[in-house]
Amino acid sequence: MAKFQNEGSFLPNQWALGHTRARKVTIKSGAGVLAAATVLGLVTADAKYLKSLKAATDGSQVPDAILAEAVDATDKDVEAVVYIAGEFDQDRLILGAGHTLGSVDAVFRTKSIWLVKPMG
């Protein structure tokens, strides 16, 4: 007779909706602790990611991806999975200083990232 045991629980991501596309990238050292759903921008000089801040001048001011899981890049570069396409709950995203849903959405639509407000 088979014996079953509790192997833990699965808590689904509640902000990535439907089909998504992801890839592994490098989060730049000094970015600090970033939560899942943080909007990221790509630093053009080294092709590493930081939280996208509208006032940045290194390329990261342009929203490029959404962080899939929390990371700690306080003291070193870390590899992380980011979403590069799909539908996402706009109310769950973490925006950097100066960004609004409107400013982020305008760029994301050109990248096949769709911000939506889930029904009910």
N, C-alpha and C. Protein backbone atom coordinates (compact mmCIF):
# COMPACT_ATOMS: atom_id res chain seq x y z
N MET A 1 0.84 -1.18 0.00
CA MET A 1 0.00 0.00 0.00
C MET A 1 0.88 1.24 0.00
N ALA A 2 0.56 2.19 -0.88
CA ALA A 2 1.34 3.42 -0.99
C ALA A 2 1.14 4.29 0.24
N LYS A 3 2.21 4.93 0.64
CA LYS A 3 2.14 5.87 1.76
C LYS A 3 2.36 7.27 1.20
N PHE A 4 1.48 8.15 1.55
CA PHE A 4 1.59 9.53 1.09
C PHE A 4 2.07 10.40 2.24
N GLN A 5 2.83 11.39 1.88
CA GLN A 5 3.28 12.32 2.91
C GLN A 5 3.24 13.74 2.35
N ASN A 6 3.18 14.68 3.24
CA ASN A 6 3.16 16.08 2.85
C ASN A 6 4.58 16.48 2.45
N GLU A 7 4.74 16.93 1.21
CA GLU A 7 6.05 17.35 0.73
C GLU A 7 6.15 18.87 0.62
N GLY A 8 5.27 19.56 1.29
CA GLY A 8 5.30 21.01 1.24
C GLY A 8 4.09 21.54 0.50
N SER A 9 4.09 22.83 0.29
CA SER A 9 2.96 23.43 -0.39
C SER A 9 3.44 24.23 -1.59
N PHE A 10 2.56 24.43 -2.52
CA PHE A 10 2.86 25.22 -3.71
C PHE A 10 2.02 26.47 -3.66
N LEU A 11 2.67 27.60 -3.69
CA LEU A 11 1.97 28.88 -3.70
C LEU A 11 2.19 29.49 -5.08
N PRO A 12 1.18 29.46 -5.93
CA PRO A 12 1.36 29.97 -7.28
C PRO A 12 1.59 31.48 -7.30
N ASN A 13 2.34 31.90 -8.27
CA ASN A 13 2.58 33.31 -8.50
C ASN A 13 1.22 33.94 -8.84
N GLN A 14 0.83 34.94 -8.13
CA GLN A 14 -0.49 35.54 -8.34
C GLN A 14 -0.46 36.79 -9.20
N TRP A 15 0.68 37.14 -9.74
CA TRP A 15 0.75 38.37 -10.53
C TRP A 15 1.18 38.15 -11.97
N ALA A 16 1.74 36.99 -12.28
CA ALA A 16 2.04 36.64 -13.68
C ALA A 16 0.85 35.85 -14.18
N LEU A 17 0.20 36.35 -15.19
CA LEU A 17 -1.06 35.78 -15.65
C LEU A 17 -0.89 35.14 -17.02
N GLY A 18 -1.48 33.98 -17.20
CA GLY A 18 -1.44 33.35 -18.51
C GLY A 18 -0.04 32.94 -18.93
N HIS A 19 0.20 32.99 -20.23
CA HIS A 19 1.48 32.58 -20.79
C HIS A 19 2.53 33.66 -20.57
N THR A 20 3.72 33.23 -20.21
CA THR A 20 4.82 34.16 -20.03
C THR A 20 6.05 33.62 -20.74
N ARG A 21 7.01 34.49 -20.95
CA ARG A 21 8.32 34.11 -21.48
C ARG A 21 9.35 34.66 -20.51
N ALA A 22 10.35 33.83 -20.22
CA ALA A 22 11.36 34.23 -19.24
C ALA A 22 12.75 33.91 -19.76
N ARG A 23 13.73 34.52 -19.13
CA ARG A 23 15.13 34.20 -19.40
C ARG A 23 15.96 34.54 -18.18
N LYS A 24 17.17 34.02 -18.16
CA LYS A 24 18.09 34.28 -17.06
C LYS A 24 18.96 35.48 -17.41
N VAL A 25 19.12 36.39 -16.45
CA VAL A 25 19.92 37.59 -16.64
C VAL A 25 20.79 37.81 -15.41
N THR A 26 21.62 38.83 -15.46
CA THR A 26 22.45 39.20 -14.32
C THR A 26 21.93 40.49 -13.70
N ILE A 27 21.69 40.42 -12.39
CA ILE A 27 21.30 41.61 -11.62
C ILE A 27 22.61 42.20 -11.09
N LYS A 28 22.80 43.47 -11.31
CA LYS A 28 24.05 44.16 -10.99
C LYS A 28 24.28 44.31 -9.48
N SER A 29 25.50 44.04 -9.08
CA SER A 29 25.90 44.25 -7.69
C SER A 29 25.56 45.67 -7.26
N GLY A 30 25.07 45.81 -6.04
CA GLY A 30 24.67 47.12 -5.53
C GLY A 30 23.19 47.40 -5.72
N ALA A 31 22.50 46.52 -6.44
CA ALA A 31 21.06 46.70 -6.66
C ALA A 31 20.28 46.51 -5.37
N GLY A 32 20.87 45.79 -4.42
CA GLY A 32 20.20 45.55 -3.14
C GLY A 32 19.26 44.36 -3.20
N VAL A 33 18.36 44.31 -2.26
CA VAL A 33 17.36 43.25 -2.20
C VAL A 33 16.18 43.69 -3.05
N LEU A 34 15.85 42.91 -4.04
CA LEU A 34 14.74 43.22 -4.94
C LEU A 34 13.68 42.15 -4.81
N ALA A 35 12.44 42.57 -4.69
CA ALA A 35 11.32 41.64 -4.57
C ALA A 35 10.86 41.17 -5.94
N ALA A 36 10.21 40.02 -5.96
CA ALA A 36 9.58 39.55 -7.19
C ALA A 36 8.59 40.61 -7.65
N ALA A 37 8.44 40.76 -8.95
CA ALA A 37 7.54 41.73 -9.60
C ALA A 37 8.14 43.12 -9.71
N THR A 38 9.44 43.26 -9.41
CA THR A 38 10.12 44.54 -9.59
C THR A 38 10.38 44.78 -11.07
N VAL A 39 10.08 45.97 -11.53
CA VAL A 39 10.35 46.35 -12.92
C VAL A 39 11.83 46.71 -13.04
N LEU A 40 12.49 46.07 -14.00
CA LEU A 40 13.93 46.23 -14.18
C LEU A 40 14.27 46.94 -15.48
N GLY A 41 15.42 47.59 -15.47
CA GLY A 41 15.95 48.21 -16.68
C GLY A 41 17.35 47.68 -16.94
N LEU A 42 17.77 47.72 -18.18
CA LEU A 42 19.06 47.18 -18.61
C LEU A 42 20.09 48.29 -18.68
N VAL A 43 21.20 48.11 -17.95
CA VAL A 43 22.32 49.05 -18.01
C VAL A 43 23.05 48.79 -19.32
N THR A 44 23.13 49.79 -20.17
CA THR A 44 23.68 49.57 -21.50
C THR A 44 25.18 49.27 -21.50
N ALA A 45 25.92 49.81 -20.55
CA ALA A 45 27.38 49.63 -20.54
C ALA A 45 27.81 48.19 -20.25
N ASP A 46 27.05 47.47 -19.43
CA ASP A 46 27.48 46.12 -19.05
C ASP A 46 26.40 45.05 -19.22
N ALA A 47 25.25 45.42 -19.75
CA ALA A 47 24.15 44.47 -19.99
C ALA A 47 23.70 43.76 -18.72
N LYS A 48 23.73 44.46 -17.60
CA LYS A 48 23.22 43.94 -16.34
C LYS A 48 21.98 44.74 -15.96
N TYR A 49 21.18 44.19 -15.09
CA TYR A 49 19.90 44.80 -14.74
C TYR A 49 19.91 45.45 -13.37
N LEU A 50 19.15 46.53 -13.26
CA LEU A 50 18.88 47.24 -12.02
C LEU A 50 17.39 47.55 -11.96
N LYS A 51 16.91 47.91 -10.78
CA LYS A 51 15.54 48.42 -10.68
C LYS A 51 15.46 49.66 -11.56
N SER A 52 14.45 49.72 -12.40
CA SER A 52 14.31 50.83 -13.33
C SER A 52 13.85 52.08 -12.59
N LEU A 53 14.68 53.11 -12.64
CA LEU A 53 14.37 54.41 -12.04
C LEU A 53 14.29 55.42 -13.18
N LYS A 54 13.23 56.20 -13.22
CA LYS A 54 13.02 57.12 -14.33
C LYS A 54 14.16 58.13 -14.50
N ALA A 55 14.80 58.54 -13.40
CA ALA A 55 15.87 59.54 -13.47
C ALA A 55 17.23 58.96 -13.83
N ALA A 56 17.35 57.64 -13.93
CA ALA A 56 18.65 57.03 -14.26
C ALA A 56 19.08 57.49 -15.65
N THR A 57 20.39 57.45 -15.89
CA THR A 57 20.92 57.87 -17.19
C THR A 57 21.84 56.81 -17.79
N ASP A 58 21.77 55.59 -17.26
CA ASP A 58 22.66 54.51 -17.71
C ASP A 58 21.94 53.49 -18.61
N GLY A 59 20.74 53.80 -19.01
CA GLY A 59 19.94 52.87 -19.81
C GLY A 59 18.87 52.17 -18.99
N SER A 60 19.12 52.02 -17.70
CA SER A 60 18.16 51.29 -16.85
C SER A 60 16.88 52.07 -16.60
N GLN A 61 16.83 53.32 -17.05
CA GLN A 61 15.60 54.11 -16.91
C GLN A 61 14.49 53.58 -17.81
N VAL A 62 14.84 52.78 -18.80
CA VAL A 62 13.86 52.21 -19.73
C VAL A 62 13.43 50.85 -19.20
N PRO A 63 12.18 50.67 -18.82
CA PRO A 63 11.71 49.37 -18.33
C PRO A 63 11.94 48.29 -19.39
N ASP A 64 12.50 47.16 -18.96
CA ASP A 64 12.85 46.12 -19.92
C ASP A 64 12.35 44.73 -19.54
N ALA A 65 12.17 44.46 -18.25
CA ALA A 65 11.79 43.12 -17.80
C ALA A 65 11.18 43.21 -16.41
N ILE A 66 10.61 42.09 -15.96
CA ILE A 66 10.01 42.01 -14.63
C ILE A 66 10.67 40.86 -13.89
N LEU A 67 11.16 41.12 -12.70
CA LEU A 67 11.85 40.11 -11.89
C LEU A 67 10.87 39.02 -11.47
N ALA A 68 11.24 37.76 -11.71
CA ALA A 68 10.34 36.64 -11.42
C ALA A 68 10.37 36.22 -9.94
N GLU A 69 11.53 36.31 -9.31
CA GLU A 69 11.67 35.90 -7.90
C GLU A 69 12.58 36.88 -7.19
N ALA A 70 12.42 36.99 -5.89
CA ALA A 70 13.24 37.90 -5.09
C ALA A 70 14.72 37.52 -5.18
N VAL A 71 15.58 38.55 -5.17
CA VAL A 71 17.03 38.34 -5.18
C VAL A 71 17.70 39.32 -4.24
N ASP A 72 18.93 38.96 -3.84
CA ASP A 72 19.75 39.86 -3.04
C ASP A 72 21.04 40.12 -3.82
N ALA A 73 21.11 41.28 -4.44
CA ALA A 73 22.30 41.69 -5.19
C ALA A 73 22.98 42.85 -4.49
N THR A 74 22.99 42.79 -3.18
CA THR A 74 23.60 43.86 -2.40
C THR A 74 25.11 43.91 -2.60
N ASP A 75 25.77 42.76 -2.49
CA ASP A 75 27.24 42.72 -2.50
C ASP A 75 27.87 42.07 -3.72
N LYS A 76 27.05 41.47 -4.57
CA LYS A 76 27.62 40.79 -5.75
C LYS A 76 26.56 40.67 -6.83
N ASP A 77 27.02 40.49 -8.07
CA ASP A 77 26.11 40.21 -9.16
C ASP A 77 25.43 38.87 -8.88
N VAL A 78 24.16 38.76 -9.25
CA VAL A 78 23.45 37.49 -9.10
C VAL A 78 22.67 37.19 -10.38
N GLU A 79 22.58 35.91 -10.69
CA GLU A 79 21.74 35.50 -11.81
C GLU A 79 20.31 35.40 -11.32
N ALA A 80 19.39 35.78 -12.18
CA ALA A 80 17.98 35.74 -11.81
C ALA A 80 17.14 35.51 -13.05
N VAL A 81 15.96 35.00 -12.84
CA VAL A 81 15.01 34.80 -13.93
C VAL A 81 14.12 36.03 -14.00
N VAL A 82 13.95 36.53 -15.22
CA VAL A 82 13.07 37.68 -15.44
C VAL A 82 12.06 37.32 -16.52
N TYR A 83 10.92 37.98 -16.45
CA TYR A 83 9.92 37.84 -17.50
C TYR A 83 10.19 38.87 -18.57
N ILE A 84 10.17 38.42 -19.83
CA ILE A 84 10.40 39.32 -20.95
C ILE A 84 9.18 39.44 -21.85
N ALA A 85 8.13 38.68 -21.54
CA ALA A 85 6.87 38.77 -22.28
C ALA A 85 5.78 38.12 -21.45
N GLY A 86 4.54 38.54 -21.71
CA GLY A 86 3.40 37.93 -21.02
C GLY A 86 2.45 38.97 -20.49
N GLU A 87 1.47 38.48 -19.70
CA GLU A 87 0.49 39.36 -19.06
C GLU A 87 0.73 39.37 -17.56
N PHE A 88 0.64 40.56 -16.96
CA PHE A 88 0.96 40.71 -15.55
C PHE A 88 -0.04 41.64 -14.88
N ASP A 89 -0.34 41.34 -13.63
CA ASP A 89 -1.25 42.14 -12.82
C ASP A 89 -0.58 43.48 -12.53
N GLN A 90 -1.11 44.53 -13.12
CA GLN A 90 -0.49 45.85 -12.97
C GLN A 90 -0.44 46.34 -11.53
N ASP A 91 -1.37 45.91 -10.71
CA ASP A 91 -1.42 46.38 -9.33
C ASP A 91 -0.39 45.70 -8.43
N ARG A 92 0.26 44.65 -8.92
CA ARG A 92 1.24 43.92 -8.11
C ARG A 92 2.68 44.29 -8.47
N LEU A 93 2.88 45.05 -9.55
CA LEU A 93 4.23 45.41 -9.96
C LEU A 93 4.86 46.41 -8.99
N ILE A 94 6.17 46.31 -8.86
CA ILE A 94 6.92 47.23 -8.01
C ILE A 94 7.68 48.17 -8.94
N LEU A 95 7.28 49.43 -8.91
CA LEU A 95 7.84 50.44 -9.81
C LEU A 95 8.93 51.23 -9.11
N GLY A 96 9.96 51.58 -9.87
CA GLY A 96 11.02 52.43 -9.35
C GLY A 96 10.58 53.88 -9.30
N ALA A 97 11.34 54.69 -8.58
CA ALA A 97 11.04 56.11 -8.41
C ALA A 97 10.85 56.80 -9.75
N GLY A 98 9.78 57.58 -9.85
CA GLY A 98 9.50 58.36 -11.04
C GLY A 98 8.63 57.66 -12.07
N HIS A 99 8.55 56.35 -11.99
CA HIS A 99 7.72 55.61 -12.95
C HIS A 99 6.27 55.56 -12.49
N THR A 100 5.38 55.50 -13.46
CA THR A 100 3.96 55.28 -13.22
C THR A 100 3.54 54.08 -14.05
N LEU A 101 2.37 53.55 -13.78
CA LEU A 101 1.88 52.45 -14.61
C LEU A 101 1.80 52.87 -16.07
N GLY A 102 1.41 54.10 -16.31
CA GLY A 102 1.31 54.59 -17.68
C GLY A 102 2.65 54.65 -18.39
N SER A 103 3.69 55.14 -17.71
CA SER A 103 5.00 55.25 -18.35
C SER A 103 5.62 53.87 -18.58
N VAL A 104 5.42 52.97 -17.66
CA VAL A 104 5.95 51.61 -17.81
C VAL A 104 5.17 50.86 -18.88
N ASP A 105 3.85 50.99 -18.87
CA ASP A 105 3.01 50.28 -19.84
C ASP A 105 3.33 50.70 -21.27
N ALA A 106 3.59 51.97 -21.49
CA ALA A 106 3.88 52.46 -22.84
C ALA A 106 5.10 51.76 -23.43
N VAL A 107 6.12 51.52 -22.61
CA VAL A 107 7.32 50.84 -23.08
C VAL A 107 7.08 49.33 -23.16
N PHE A 108 6.45 48.77 -22.14
CA PHE A 108 6.25 47.32 -22.10
C PHE A 108 5.42 46.81 -23.29
N ARG A 109 4.45 47.59 -23.74
CA ARG A 109 3.63 47.14 -24.88
C ARG A 109 4.49 46.89 -26.11
N THR A 110 5.57 47.64 -26.28
CA THR A 110 6.46 47.43 -27.43
C THR A 110 7.31 46.18 -27.25
N LYS A 111 7.31 45.60 -26.06
CA LYS A 111 8.11 44.42 -25.75
C LYS A 111 7.24 43.18 -25.51
N SER A 112 5.97 43.25 -25.84
CA SER A 112 5.01 42.15 -25.62
C SER A 112 4.82 41.81 -24.15
N ILE A 113 4.95 42.84 -23.31
CA ILE A 113 4.61 42.71 -21.90
C ILE A 113 3.34 43.53 -21.71
N TRP A 114 2.28 42.84 -21.28
CA TRP A 114 0.97 43.47 -21.16
C TRP A 114 0.58 43.59 -19.70
N LEU A 115 0.27 44.81 -19.27
CA LEU A 115 -0.18 45.06 -17.91
C LEU A 115 -1.69 45.07 -17.91
N VAL A 116 -2.28 44.26 -17.05
CA VAL A 116 -3.74 44.14 -17.01
C VAL A 116 -4.23 44.26 -15.58
N LYS A 117 -5.50 44.58 -15.48
CA LYS A 117 -6.17 44.61 -14.17
C LYS A 117 -7.10 43.40 -14.18
N PRO A 118 -6.77 42.35 -13.38
CA PRO A 118 -7.60 41.15 -13.39
C PRO A 118 -9.05 41.45 -13.00
N MET A 119 -9.95 40.74 -13.59
CA MET A 119 -11.37 40.89 -13.30
C MET A 119 -11.70 40.15 -12.00
N GLY A 120 -12.48 40.78 -11.15
CA GLY A 120 -13.04 40.16 -9.96
C GLY A 120 -12.05 39.54 -9.13
